[in-house]
Full PDB file with SEQRES, HELIX, SHEET, SSBOND, CRYST1, ORIGX, SCALE, CONECT and MASTER records, all heavy atoms in Angstrom:
SEQRES   1 A   39  GLY ASP GLU VAL PHE CYS SER THR LEU THR PHE ILE ALA          
SEQRES   2 A   39  THR ALA ASN PRO ILE THR TYR LEU GLY ALA THR PRO VAL          
SEQRES   3 A   39  PHE ILE ASP SER ASP ARG THR SER TRP ASN MET ASN PRO          
HELIX    1 AA1 ILE A   12  THR A   14  5                                   3    
HELIX    2 AA2 ASN A   16  TYR A   20  1                                   5    
SHEET    1 AA1 2 GLU A   3  SER A   7  0                                        
SHEET    2 AA1 2 THR A  24  ILE A  28  1                                        
CRYST1    1.000    1.000    1.000  90.00  90.00  90.00 P 1           1          
ORIGX1      1.000000  0.000000  0.000000        0.00000                         
ORIGX2      0.000000  1.000000  0.000000        0.00000                         
ORIGX3      0.000000  0.000000  1.000000        0.00000                         
SCALE1      1.000000  0.000000  0.000000        0.00000                         
SCALE2      0.000000  1.000000  0.000000        0.00000                         
SCALE3      0.000000  0.000000  1.000000        0.00000                         
ATOM      1  N   GLY A   1      -5.407 -16.989  -5.575  1.00  0.00           N  
ATOM      2  CA  GLY A   1      -5.731 -15.973  -6.558  1.00  0.00           C  
ATOM      3  C   GLY A   1      -5.995 -14.599  -5.978  1.00  0.00           C  
ATOM      4  O   GLY A   1      -6.021 -13.605  -6.723  1.00  0.00           O  
ATOM      5  N   ASP A   2      -6.197 -14.499  -4.667  1.00  0.00           N  
ATOM      6  CA  ASP A   2      -6.421 -13.197  -4.043  1.00  0.00           C  
ATOM      7  C   ASP A   2      -5.115 -12.409  -3.967  1.00  0.00           C  
ATOM      8  O   ASP A   2      -4.015 -12.964  -4.050  1.00  0.00           O  
ATOM      9  CB  ASP A   2      -6.967 -13.366  -2.621  1.00  0.00           C  
ATOM     10  CG  ASP A   2      -8.412 -13.835  -2.595  1.00  0.00           C  
ATOM     11  OD1 ASP A   2      -9.139 -13.603  -3.585  1.00  0.00           O  
ATOM     12  OD2 ASP A   2      -8.811 -14.436  -1.578  1.00  0.00           O  
ATOM     13  N   GLU A   3      -5.246 -11.106  -3.794  1.00  0.00           N  
ATOM     14  CA  GLU A   3      -4.115 -10.254  -3.455  1.00  0.00           C  
ATOM     15  C   GLU A   3      -4.286  -9.742  -2.027  1.00  0.00           C  
ATOM     16  O   GLU A   3      -5.403  -9.491  -1.580  1.00  0.00           O  
ATOM     17  CB  GLU A   3      -4.012  -9.068  -4.415  1.00  0.00           C  
ATOM     18  CG  GLU A   3      -3.574  -9.456  -5.820  1.00  0.00           C  
ATOM     19  CD  GLU A   3      -3.351  -8.254  -6.707  1.00  0.00           C  
ATOM     20  OE1 GLU A   3      -4.115  -7.265  -6.575  1.00  0.00           O  
ATOM     21  OE2 GLU A   3      -2.425  -8.289  -7.546  1.00  0.00           O  
ATOM     22  N   VAL A   4      -3.167  -9.596  -1.337  1.00  0.00           N  
ATOM     23  CA  VAL A   4      -3.161  -9.072   0.029  1.00  0.00           C  
ATOM     24  C   VAL A   4      -2.126  -7.968   0.097  1.00  0.00           C  
ATOM     25  O   VAL A   4      -0.957  -8.182  -0.241  1.00  0.00           O  
ATOM     26  CB  VAL A   4      -2.831 -10.174   1.059  1.00  0.00           C  
ATOM     27  CG1 VAL A   4      -2.714  -9.580   2.461  1.00  0.00           C  
ATOM     28  CG2 VAL A   4      -3.885 -11.270   1.025  1.00  0.00           C  
ATOM     29  N   PHE A   5      -2.546  -6.764   0.507  1.00  0.00           N  
ATOM     30  CA  PHE A   5      -1.607  -5.665   0.690  1.00  0.00           C  
ATOM     31  C   PHE A   5      -0.808  -5.895   1.969  1.00  0.00           C  
ATOM     32  O   PHE A   5      -1.349  -6.341   2.980  1.00  0.00           O  
ATOM     33  CB  PHE A   5      -2.347  -4.334   0.773  1.00  0.00           C  
ATOM     34  CG  PHE A   5      -2.802  -3.793  -0.549  1.00  0.00           C  
ATOM     35  CD1 PHE A   5      -2.737  -4.551  -1.703  1.00  0.00           C  
ATOM     36  CD2 PHE A   5      -3.304  -2.503  -0.643  1.00  0.00           C  
ATOM     37  CE1 PHE A   5      -3.162  -4.053  -2.931  1.00  0.00           C  
ATOM     38  CE2 PHE A   5      -3.725  -1.984  -1.852  1.00  0.00           C  
ATOM     39  CZ  PHE A   5      -3.655  -2.756  -2.995  1.00  0.00           C  
ATOM     40  N   CYS A   6       0.479  -5.532   1.933  1.00  0.00           N  
ATOM     41  CA  CYS A   6       1.386  -5.886   3.021  1.00  0.00           C  
ATOM     42  C   CYS A   6       2.514  -4.861   3.098  1.00  0.00           C  
ATOM     43  O   CYS A   6       2.986  -4.370   2.066  1.00  0.00           O  
ATOM     44  CB  CYS A   6       1.955  -7.288   2.748  1.00  0.00           C  
ATOM     45  SG  CYS A   6       3.209  -7.860   3.887  1.00  0.00           S  
ATOM     46  N   SER A   7       2.933  -4.517   4.304  1.00  0.00           N  
ATOM     47  CA  SER A   7       4.113  -3.666   4.479  1.00  0.00           C  
ATOM     48  C   SER A   7       5.314  -4.315   3.795  1.00  0.00           C  
ATOM     49  O   SER A   7       5.488  -5.533   3.854  1.00  0.00           O  
ATOM     50  CB  SER A   7       4.417  -3.487   5.962  1.00  0.00           C  
ATOM     51  OG  SER A   7       3.302  -2.981   6.670  1.00  0.00           O  
ATOM     52  N   THR A   8       6.155  -3.493   3.171  1.00  0.00           N  
ATOM     53  CA  THR A   8       7.335  -4.059   2.517  1.00  0.00           C  
ATOM     54  C   THR A   8       8.551  -4.094   3.422  1.00  0.00           C  
ATOM     55  O   THR A   8       9.401  -4.974   3.295  1.00  0.00           O  
ATOM     56  CB  THR A   8       7.678  -3.300   1.218  1.00  0.00           C  
ATOM     57  OG1 THR A   8       8.674  -4.049   0.495  1.00  0.00           O  
ATOM     58  CG2 THR A   8       8.210  -1.896   1.484  1.00  0.00           C  
ATOM     59  N   LEU A   9       8.661  -3.146   4.374  1.00  0.00           N  
ATOM     60  CA  LEU A   9       9.820  -3.120   5.254  1.00  0.00           C  
ATOM     61  C   LEU A   9       9.516  -3.981   6.477  1.00  0.00           C  
ATOM     62  O   LEU A   9       9.017  -3.518   7.508  1.00  0.00           O  
ATOM     63  CB  LEU A   9      10.143  -1.684   5.677  1.00  0.00           C  
ATOM     64  CG  LEU A   9      11.479  -1.501   6.408  1.00  0.00           C  
ATOM     65  CD1 LEU A   9      12.662  -1.920   5.526  1.00  0.00           C  
ATOM     66  CD2 LEU A   9      11.648  -0.072   6.887  1.00  0.00           C  
ATOM     67  N   THR A  10       9.826  -5.262   6.358  1.00  0.00           N  
ATOM     68  CA  THR A  10       9.531  -6.224   7.412  1.00  0.00           C  
ATOM     69  C   THR A  10      10.265  -7.526   7.125  1.00  0.00           C  
ATOM     70  O   THR A  10      10.829  -7.716   6.043  1.00  0.00           O  
ATOM     71  CB  THR A  10       8.013  -6.484   7.524  1.00  0.00           C  
ATOM     72  OG1 THR A  10       7.760  -7.396   8.590  1.00  0.00           O  
ATOM     73  CG2 THR A  10       7.462  -7.078   6.234  1.00  0.00           C  
ATOM     74  N   PHE A  11      10.242  -8.420   8.082  1.00  0.00           N  
ATOM     75  CA  PHE A  11      10.795  -9.759   7.905  1.00  0.00           C  
ATOM     76  C   PHE A  11       9.867 -10.572   6.999  1.00  0.00           C  
ATOM     77  O   PHE A  11       8.648 -10.361   6.971  1.00  0.00           O  
ATOM     78  CB  PHE A  11      10.932 -10.425   9.275  1.00  0.00           C  
ATOM     79  CG  PHE A  11      11.547 -11.797   9.240  1.00  0.00           C  
ATOM     80  CD1 PHE A  11      12.731 -12.045   8.572  1.00  0.00           C  
ATOM     81  CD2 PHE A  11      10.939 -12.847   9.909  1.00  0.00           C  
ATOM     82  CE1 PHE A  11      13.299 -13.304   8.554  1.00  0.00           C  
ATOM     83  CE2 PHE A  11      11.496 -14.111   9.901  1.00  0.00           C  
ATOM     84  CZ  PHE A  11      12.679 -14.351   9.230  1.00  0.00           C  
ATOM     85  N   ILE A  12      10.434 -11.537   6.304  1.00  0.00           N  
ATOM     86  CA  ILE A  12       9.679 -12.285   5.296  1.00  0.00           C  
ATOM     87  C   ILE A  12       8.519 -13.082   5.896  1.00  0.00           C  
ATOM     88  O   ILE A  12       7.557 -13.408   5.199  1.00  0.00           O  
ATOM     89  CB  ILE A  12      10.623 -13.215   4.505  1.00  0.00           C  
ATOM     90  CG1 ILE A  12       9.939 -13.689   3.201  1.00  0.00           C  
ATOM     91  CG2 ILE A  12      11.083 -14.379   5.379  1.00  0.00           C  
ATOM     92  CD1 ILE A  12      10.881 -14.394   2.249  1.00  0.00           C  
ATOM     93  N   ALA A  13       8.573 -13.371   7.204  1.00  0.00           N  
ATOM     94  CA  ALA A  13       7.491 -14.129   7.834  1.00  0.00           C  
ATOM     95  C   ALA A  13       6.152 -13.410   7.734  1.00  0.00           C  
ATOM     96  O   ALA A  13       5.101 -14.040   7.853  1.00  0.00           O  
ATOM     97  CB  ALA A  13       7.818 -14.400   9.300  1.00  0.00           C  
ATOM     98  N   THR A  14       6.162 -12.090   7.518  1.00  0.00           N  
ATOM     99  CA  THR A  14       4.908 -11.361   7.343  1.00  0.00           C  
ATOM    100  C   THR A  14       4.214 -11.761   6.049  1.00  0.00           C  
ATOM    101  O   THR A  14       2.979 -11.861   5.995  1.00  0.00           O  
ATOM    102  CB  THR A  14       5.160  -9.846   7.338  1.00  0.00           C  
ATOM    103  OG1 THR A  14       5.747  -9.466   8.581  1.00  0.00           O  
ATOM    104  CG2 THR A  14       3.866  -9.068   7.134  1.00  0.00           C  
ATOM    105  N   ALA A  15       4.975 -11.985   5.000  1.00  0.00           N  
ATOM    106  CA  ALA A  15       4.392 -12.248   3.682  1.00  0.00           C  
ATOM    107  C   ALA A  15       4.303 -13.726   3.347  1.00  0.00           C  
ATOM    108  O   ALA A  15       3.455 -14.128   2.536  1.00  0.00           O  
ATOM    109  CB  ALA A  15       5.207 -11.533   2.605  1.00  0.00           C  
ATOM    110  N   ASN A  16       5.146 -14.563   3.935  1.00  0.00           N  
ATOM    111  CA  ASN A  16       5.113 -15.984   3.600  1.00  0.00           C  
ATOM    112  C   ASN A  16       3.732 -16.611   3.754  1.00  0.00           C  
ATOM    113  O   ASN A  16       3.287 -17.364   2.876  1.00  0.00           O  
ATOM    114  CB  ASN A  16       6.136 -16.750   4.441  1.00  0.00           C  
ATOM    115  CG  ASN A  16       7.535 -16.707   3.851  1.00  0.00           C  
ATOM    116  OD1 ASN A  16       7.707 -16.369   2.684  1.00  0.00           O  
ATOM    117  ND2 ASN A  16       8.523 -17.032   4.650  1.00  0.00           N  
ATOM    118  N   PRO A  17       3.001 -16.356   4.856  1.00  0.00           N  
ATOM    119  CA  PRO A  17       1.692 -16.994   4.994  1.00  0.00           C  
ATOM    120  C   PRO A  17       0.692 -16.601   3.910  1.00  0.00           C  
ATOM    121  O   PRO A  17      -0.248 -17.355   3.646  1.00  0.00           O  
ATOM    122  CB  PRO A  17       1.220 -16.513   6.378  1.00  0.00           C  
ATOM    123  CG  PRO A  17       2.468 -16.213   7.117  1.00  0.00           C  
ATOM    124  CD  PRO A  17       3.386 -15.640   6.094  1.00  0.00           C  
ATOM    125  N   ILE A  18       0.886 -15.444   3.305  1.00  0.00           N  
ATOM    126  CA  ILE A  18       0.018 -15.064   2.178  1.00  0.00           C  
ATOM    127  C   ILE A  18       0.171 -16.086   1.061  1.00  0.00           C  
ATOM    128  O   ILE A  18      -0.815 -16.547   0.466  1.00  0.00           O  
ATOM    129  CB  ILE A  18       0.375 -13.652   1.677  1.00  0.00           C  
ATOM    130  CG1 ILE A  18       0.134 -12.620   2.785  1.00  0.00           C  
ATOM    131  CG2 ILE A  18      -0.430 -13.295   0.432  1.00  0.00           C  
ATOM    132  CD1 ILE A  18       0.661 -11.232   2.463  1.00  0.00           C  
ATOM    133  N   THR A  19       1.423 -16.474   0.810  1.00  0.00           N  
ATOM    134  CA  THR A  19       1.671 -17.436  -0.263  1.00  0.00           C  
ATOM    135  C   THR A  19       1.225 -18.842   0.116  1.00  0.00           C  
ATOM    136  O   THR A  19       0.911 -19.653  -0.758  1.00  0.00           O  
ATOM    137  CB  THR A  19       3.164 -17.459  -0.646  1.00  0.00           C  
ATOM    138  OG1 THR A  19       3.937 -18.017   0.419  1.00  0.00           O  
ATOM    139  CG2 THR A  19       3.659 -16.049  -0.922  1.00  0.00           C  
ATOM    140  N   TYR A  20       1.212 -19.164   1.440  1.00  0.00           N  
ATOM    141  CA  TYR A  20       0.750 -20.492   1.859  1.00  0.00           C  
ATOM    142  C   TYR A  20      -0.677 -20.747   1.369  1.00  0.00           C  
ATOM    143  O   TYR A  20      -1.050 -21.893   1.099  1.00  0.00           O  
ATOM    144  CB  TYR A  20       0.743 -20.622   3.384  1.00  0.00           C  
ATOM    145  CG  TYR A  20       2.063 -20.486   4.089  1.00  0.00           C  
ATOM    146  CD1 TYR A  20       2.091 -20.313   5.471  1.00  0.00           C  
ATOM    147  CD2 TYR A  20       3.283 -20.520   3.410  1.00  0.00           C  
ATOM    148  CE1 TYR A  20       3.291 -20.174   6.155  1.00  0.00           C  
ATOM    149  CE2 TYR A  20       4.474 -20.375   4.085  1.00  0.00           C  
ATOM    150  CZ  TYR A  20       4.480 -20.208   5.459  1.00  0.00           C  
ATOM    151  OH  TYR A  20       5.663 -20.062   6.133  1.00  0.00           O  
ATOM    152  N   LEU A  21      -1.446 -19.672   1.284  1.00  0.00           N  
ATOM    153  CA  LEU A  21      -2.854 -19.793   0.893  1.00  0.00           C  
ATOM    154  C   LEU A  21      -3.062 -19.585  -0.598  1.00  0.00           C  
ATOM    155  O   LEU A  21      -4.195 -19.506  -1.065  1.00  0.00           O  
ATOM    156  CB  LEU A  21      -3.693 -18.791   1.691  1.00  0.00           C  
ATOM    157  CG  LEU A  21      -3.736 -19.063   3.200  1.00  0.00           C  
ATOM    158  CD1 LEU A  21      -4.323 -17.880   3.948  1.00  0.00           C  
ATOM    159  CD2 LEU A  21      -4.548 -20.322   3.488  1.00  0.00           C  
ATOM    160  N   GLY A  22      -1.982 -19.492  -1.354  1.00  0.00           N  
ATOM    161  CA  GLY A  22      -2.093 -19.331  -2.801  1.00  0.00           C  
ATOM    162  C   GLY A  22      -2.397 -17.917  -3.233  1.00  0.00           C  
ATOM    163  O   GLY A  22      -2.715 -17.676  -4.410  1.00  0.00           O  
ATOM    164  N   ALA A  23      -2.305 -16.961  -2.325  1.00  0.00           N  
ATOM    165  CA  ALA A  23      -2.548 -15.557  -2.644  1.00  0.00           C  
ATOM    166  C   ALA A  23      -1.228 -14.866  -2.982  1.00  0.00           C  
ATOM    167  O   ALA A  23      -0.137 -15.443  -2.825  1.00  0.00           O  
ATOM    168  CB  ALA A  23      -3.246 -14.859  -1.489  1.00  0.00           C  
ATOM    169  N   THR A  24      -1.321 -13.614  -3.427  1.00  0.00           N  
ATOM    170  CA  THR A  24      -0.146 -12.859  -3.853  1.00  0.00           C  
ATOM    171  C   THR A  24      -0.029 -11.584  -3.039  1.00  0.00           C  
ATOM    172  O   THR A  24      -0.997 -10.814  -2.943  1.00  0.00           O  
ATOM    173  CB  THR A  24      -0.256 -12.492  -5.348  1.00  0.00           C  
ATOM    174  OG1 THR A  24      -0.358 -13.692  -6.118  1.00  0.00           O  
ATOM    175  CG2 THR A  24       0.958 -11.696  -5.803  1.00  0.00           C  
ATOM    176  N   PRO A  25       1.142 -11.307  -2.451  1.00  0.00           N  
ATOM    177  CA  PRO A  25       1.314 -10.048  -1.734  1.00  0.00           C  
ATOM    178  C   PRO A  25       1.547  -8.873  -2.679  1.00  0.00           C  
ATOM    179  O   PRO A  25       2.169  -9.025  -3.732  1.00  0.00           O  
ATOM    180  CB  PRO A  25       2.551 -10.299  -0.867  1.00  0.00           C  
ATOM    181  CG  PRO A  25       3.328 -11.340  -1.602  1.00  0.00           C  
ATOM    182  CD  PRO A  25       2.319 -12.188  -2.324  1.00  0.00           C  
ATOM    183  N   VAL A  26       1.020  -7.735  -2.303  1.00  0.00           N  
ATOM    184  CA  VAL A  26       1.312  -6.459  -2.956  1.00  0.00           C  
ATOM    185  C   VAL A  26       1.897  -5.567  -1.864  1.00  0.00           C  
ATOM    186  O   VAL A  26       1.264  -5.355  -0.829  1.00  0.00           O  
ATOM    187  CB  VAL A  26       0.054  -5.814  -3.564  1.00  0.00           C  
ATOM    188  CG1 VAL A  26       0.380  -4.427  -4.107  1.00  0.00           C  
ATOM    189  CG2 VAL A  26      -0.515  -6.701  -4.666  1.00  0.00           C  
ATOM    190  N   PHE A  27       3.094  -5.046  -2.077  1.00  0.00           N  
ATOM    191  CA  PHE A  27       3.825  -4.380  -1.016  1.00  0.00           C  
ATOM    192  C   PHE A  27       3.616  -2.867  -1.030  1.00  0.00           C  
ATOM    193  O   PHE A  27       3.533  -2.248  -2.097  1.00  0.00           O  
ATOM    194  CB  PHE A  27       5.310  -4.725  -1.113  1.00  0.00           C  
ATOM    195  CG  PHE A  27       5.568  -6.204  -1.000  1.00  0.00           C  
ATOM    196  CD1 PHE A  27       6.045  -6.932  -2.082  1.00  0.00           C  
ATOM    197  CD2 PHE A  27       5.305  -6.870   0.184  1.00  0.00           C  
ATOM    198  CE1 PHE A  27       6.275  -8.293  -1.985  1.00  0.00           C  
ATOM    199  CE2 PHE A  27       5.531  -8.234   0.303  1.00  0.00           C  
ATOM    200  CZ  PHE A  27       6.017  -8.942  -0.788  1.00  0.00           C  
ATOM    201  N   ILE A  28       3.536  -2.296   0.169  1.00  0.00           N  
ATOM    202  CA  ILE A  28       3.323  -0.867   0.347  1.00  0.00           C  
ATOM    203  C   ILE A  28       4.541  -0.281   1.052  1.00  0.00           C  
ATOM    204  O   ILE A  28       5.019  -0.815   2.063  1.00  0.00           O  
ATOM    205  CB  ILE A  28       2.057  -0.572   1.178  1.00  0.00           C  
ATOM    206  CG1 ILE A  28       0.847  -1.324   0.624  1.00  0.00           C  
ATOM    207  CG2 ILE A  28       1.796   0.935   1.245  1.00  0.00           C  
ATOM    208  CD1 ILE A  28       0.408  -0.881  -0.745  1.00  0.00           C  
ATOM    209  N   ASP A  29       5.022   0.848   0.560  1.00  0.00           N  
ATOM    210  CA  ASP A  29       6.222   1.495   1.090  1.00  0.00           C  
ATOM    211  C   ASP A  29       5.978   2.082   2.485  1.00  0.00           C  
ATOM    212  O   ASP A  29       4.849   2.192   2.958  1.00  0.00           O  
ATOM    213  CB  ASP A  29       6.657   2.610   0.129  1.00  0.00           C  
ATOM    214  CG  ASP A  29       8.110   3.013   0.305  1.00  0.00           C  
ATOM    215  OD1 ASP A  29       8.822   2.396   1.117  1.00  0.00           O  
ATOM    216  OD2 ASP A  29       8.548   3.973  -0.392  1.00  0.00           O  
ATOM    217  N   SER A  30       7.061   2.497   3.119  1.00  0.00           N  
ATOM    218  CA  SER A  30       7.043   3.072   4.460  1.00  0.00           C  
ATOM    219  C   SER A  30       6.926   4.594   4.405  1.00  0.00           C  
ATOM    220  O   SER A  30       7.182   5.224   3.379  1.00  0.00           O  
ATOM    221  CB  SER A  30       8.334   2.710   5.202  1.00  0.00           C  
ATOM    222  OG  SER A  30       8.495   1.320   5.314  1.00  0.00           O  
ATOM    223  N   ASP A  31       6.557   5.166   5.570  1.00  0.00           N  
ATOM    224  CA  ASP A  31       6.696   6.609   5.730  1.00  0.00           C  
ATOM    225  C   ASP A  31       7.958   6.885   6.547  1.00  0.00           C  
ATOM    226  O   ASP A  31       8.564   5.977   7.114  1.00  0.00           O  
ATOM    227  CB  ASP A  31       5.460   7.231   6.392  1.00  0.00           C  
ATOM    228  CG  ASP A  31       5.178   6.700   7.799  1.00  0.00           C  
ATOM    229  OD1 ASP A  31       6.131   6.285   8.491  1.00  0.00           O  
ATOM    230  OD2 ASP A  31       4.004   6.696   8.204  1.00  0.00           O  
ATOM    231  N   ARG A  32       8.379   8.143   6.594  1.00  0.00           N  
ATOM    232  CA  ARG A  32       9.585   8.511   7.338  1.00  0.00           C  
ATOM    233  C   ARG A  32       9.307   8.673   8.829  1.00  0.00           C  
ATOM    234  O   ARG A  32      10.218   8.577   9.642  1.00  0.00           O  
ATOM    235  CB  ARG A  32      10.150   9.829   6.794  1.00  0.00           C  
ATOM    236  CG  ARG A  32      10.654   9.751   5.371  1.00  0.00           C  
ATOM    237  CD  ARG A  32      12.009   9.088   5.307  1.00  0.00           C  
ATOM    238  NE  ARG A  32      12.542   9.062   3.944  1.00  0.00           N  
ATOM    239  CZ  ARG A  32      13.690   8.486   3.610  1.00  0.00           C  
ATOM    240  NH1 ARG A  32      14.430   7.900   4.540  1.00  0.00           N  
ATOM    241  NH2 ARG A  32      14.110   8.498   2.359  1.00  0.00           N  
ATOM    242  N   THR A  33       8.046   8.910   9.186  1.00  0.00           N  
ATOM    243  CA  THR A  33       7.697   9.218  10.565  1.00  0.00           C  
ATOM    244  C   THR A  33       7.859   8.016  11.486  1.00  0.00           C  
ATOM    245  O   THR A  33       8.373   8.136  12.601  1.00  0.00           O  
ATOM    246  CB  THR A  33       6.252   9.723  10.652  1.00  0.00           C  
ATOM    247  OG1 THR A  33       6.116  10.869   9.815  1.00  0.00           O  
ATOM    248  CG2 THR A  33       5.865  10.078  12.074  1.00  0.00           C  
ATOM    249  N   SER A  34       7.410   6.855  11.020  1.00  0.00           N  
ATOM    250  CA  SER A  34       7.429   5.659  11.862  1.00  0.00           C  
ATOM    251  C   SER A  34       8.183   4.493  11.237  1.00  0.00           C  
ATOM    252  O   SER A  34       8.390   3.482  11.910  1.00  0.00           O  
ATOM    253  CB  SER A  34       5.991   5.210  12.153  1.00  0.00           C  
ATOM    254  OG  SER A  34       5.383   4.702  10.984  1.00  0.00           O  
ATOM    255  N   TRP A  35       8.569   4.605   9.976  1.00  0.00           N  
ATOM    256  CA  TRP A  35       9.182   3.552   9.186  1.00  0.00           C  
ATOM    257  C   TRP A  35       8.172   2.452   8.824  1.00  0.00           C  
ATOM    258  O   TRP A  35       8.531   1.447   8.226  1.00  0.00           O  
ATOM    259  CB  TRP A  35      10.391   2.921   9.873  1.00  0.00           C  
ATOM    260  CG  TRP A  35      11.588   3.801  10.024  1.00  0.00           C  
ATOM    261  CD1 TRP A  35      11.650   5.164   9.937  1.00  0.00           C  
ATOM    262  CD2 TRP A  35      12.930   3.375  10.300  1.00  0.00           C  
ATOM    263  NE1 TRP A  35      12.917   5.615  10.144  1.00  0.00           N  
ATOM    264  CE2 TRP A  35      13.737   4.535  10.377  1.00  0.00           C  
ATOM    265  CE3 TRP A  35      13.533   2.149  10.507  1.00  0.00           C  
ATOM    266  CZ2 TRP A  35      15.113   4.493  10.635  1.00  0.00           C  
ATOM    267  CZ3 TRP A  35      14.898   2.099  10.770  1.00  0.00           C  
ATOM    268  CH2 TRP A  35      15.680   3.256  10.827  1.00  0.00           C  
ATOM    269  N   ASN A  36       6.912   2.656   9.169  1.00  0.00           N  
ATOM    270  CA  ASN A  36       5.866   1.675   8.883  1.00  0.00           C  
ATOM    271  C   ASN A  36       5.075   2.075   7.645  1.00  0.00           C  
ATOM    272  O   ASN A  36       5.365   3.074   6.993  1.00  0.00           O  
ATOM    273  CB  ASN A  36       4.945   1.549  10.104  1.00  0.00           C  
ATOM    274  CG  ASN A  36       5.606   0.808  11.249  1.00  0.00           C  
ATOM    275  OD1 ASN A  36       5.971  -0.355  11.126  1.00  0.00           O  
ATOM    276  ND2 ASN A  36       5.781   1.492  12.376  1.00  0.00           N  
ATOM    277  N   MET A  37       4.054   1.282   7.323  1.00  0.00           N  
ATOM    278  CA  MET A  37       3.259   1.485   6.120  1.00  0.00           C  
ATOM    279  C   MET A  37       2.785   2.933   6.000  1.00  0.00           C  
ATOM    280  O   MET A  37       2.265   3.517   6.954  1.00  0.00           O  
ATOM    281  CB  MET A  37       2.059   0.545   6.102  1.00  0.00           C  
ATOM    282  CG  MET A  37       1.228   0.624   4.822  1.00  0.00           C  
ATOM    283  SD  MET A  37      -0.257  -0.411   4.862  1.00  0.00           S  
ATOM    284  CE  MET A  37       0.448  -2.052   4.736  1.00  0.00           C  
ATOM    285  N   ASN A  38       2.944   3.493   4.813  1.00  0.00           N  
ATOM    286  CA  ASN A  38       2.535   4.862   4.527  1.00  0.00           C  
ATOM    287  C   ASN A  38       1.023   4.905   4.307  1.00  0.00           C  
ATOM    288  O   ASN A  38       0.522   4.367   3.318  1.00  0.00           O  
ATOM    289  CB  ASN A  38       3.267   5.370   3.287  1.00  0.00           C  
ATOM    290  CG  ASN A  38       3.031   6.824   3.008  1.00  0.00           C  
ATOM    291  OD1 ASN A  38       1.913   7.318   3.109  1.00  0.00           O  
ATOM    292  ND2 ASN A  38       4.086   7.538   2.633  1.00  0.00           N  
ATOM    293  N   PRO A  39       0.250   5.539   5.202  1.00  0.00           N  
ATOM    294  CA  PRO A  39      -1.214   5.543   5.054  1.00  0.00           C  
ATOM    295  C   PRO A  39      -1.682   6.202   3.765  1.00  0.00           C  
ATOM    296  O   PRO A  39      -2.671   5.764   3.170  1.00  0.00           O  
ATOM    297  CB  PRO A  39      -1.690   6.333   6.286  1.00  0.00           C  
ATOM    298  CG  PRO A  39      -0.575   6.235   7.268  1.00  0.00           C  
ATOM    299  CD  PRO A  39       0.680   6.205   6.451  1.00  0.00           C  
TER     300      PRO A  39                                                      
MASTER        0    0    0    2    2    0    0    6  299    1    0    3          
END                                                                             
């Protein structure tokens, strides 16, 4: 029932374990500077 924020530009293995625990991922977009999560 929990939600976990997670980078969206990544391999699915980042988010799969969230679902193993019955939680739901919420995805955050990237920035242009690093291609990683936009702070």
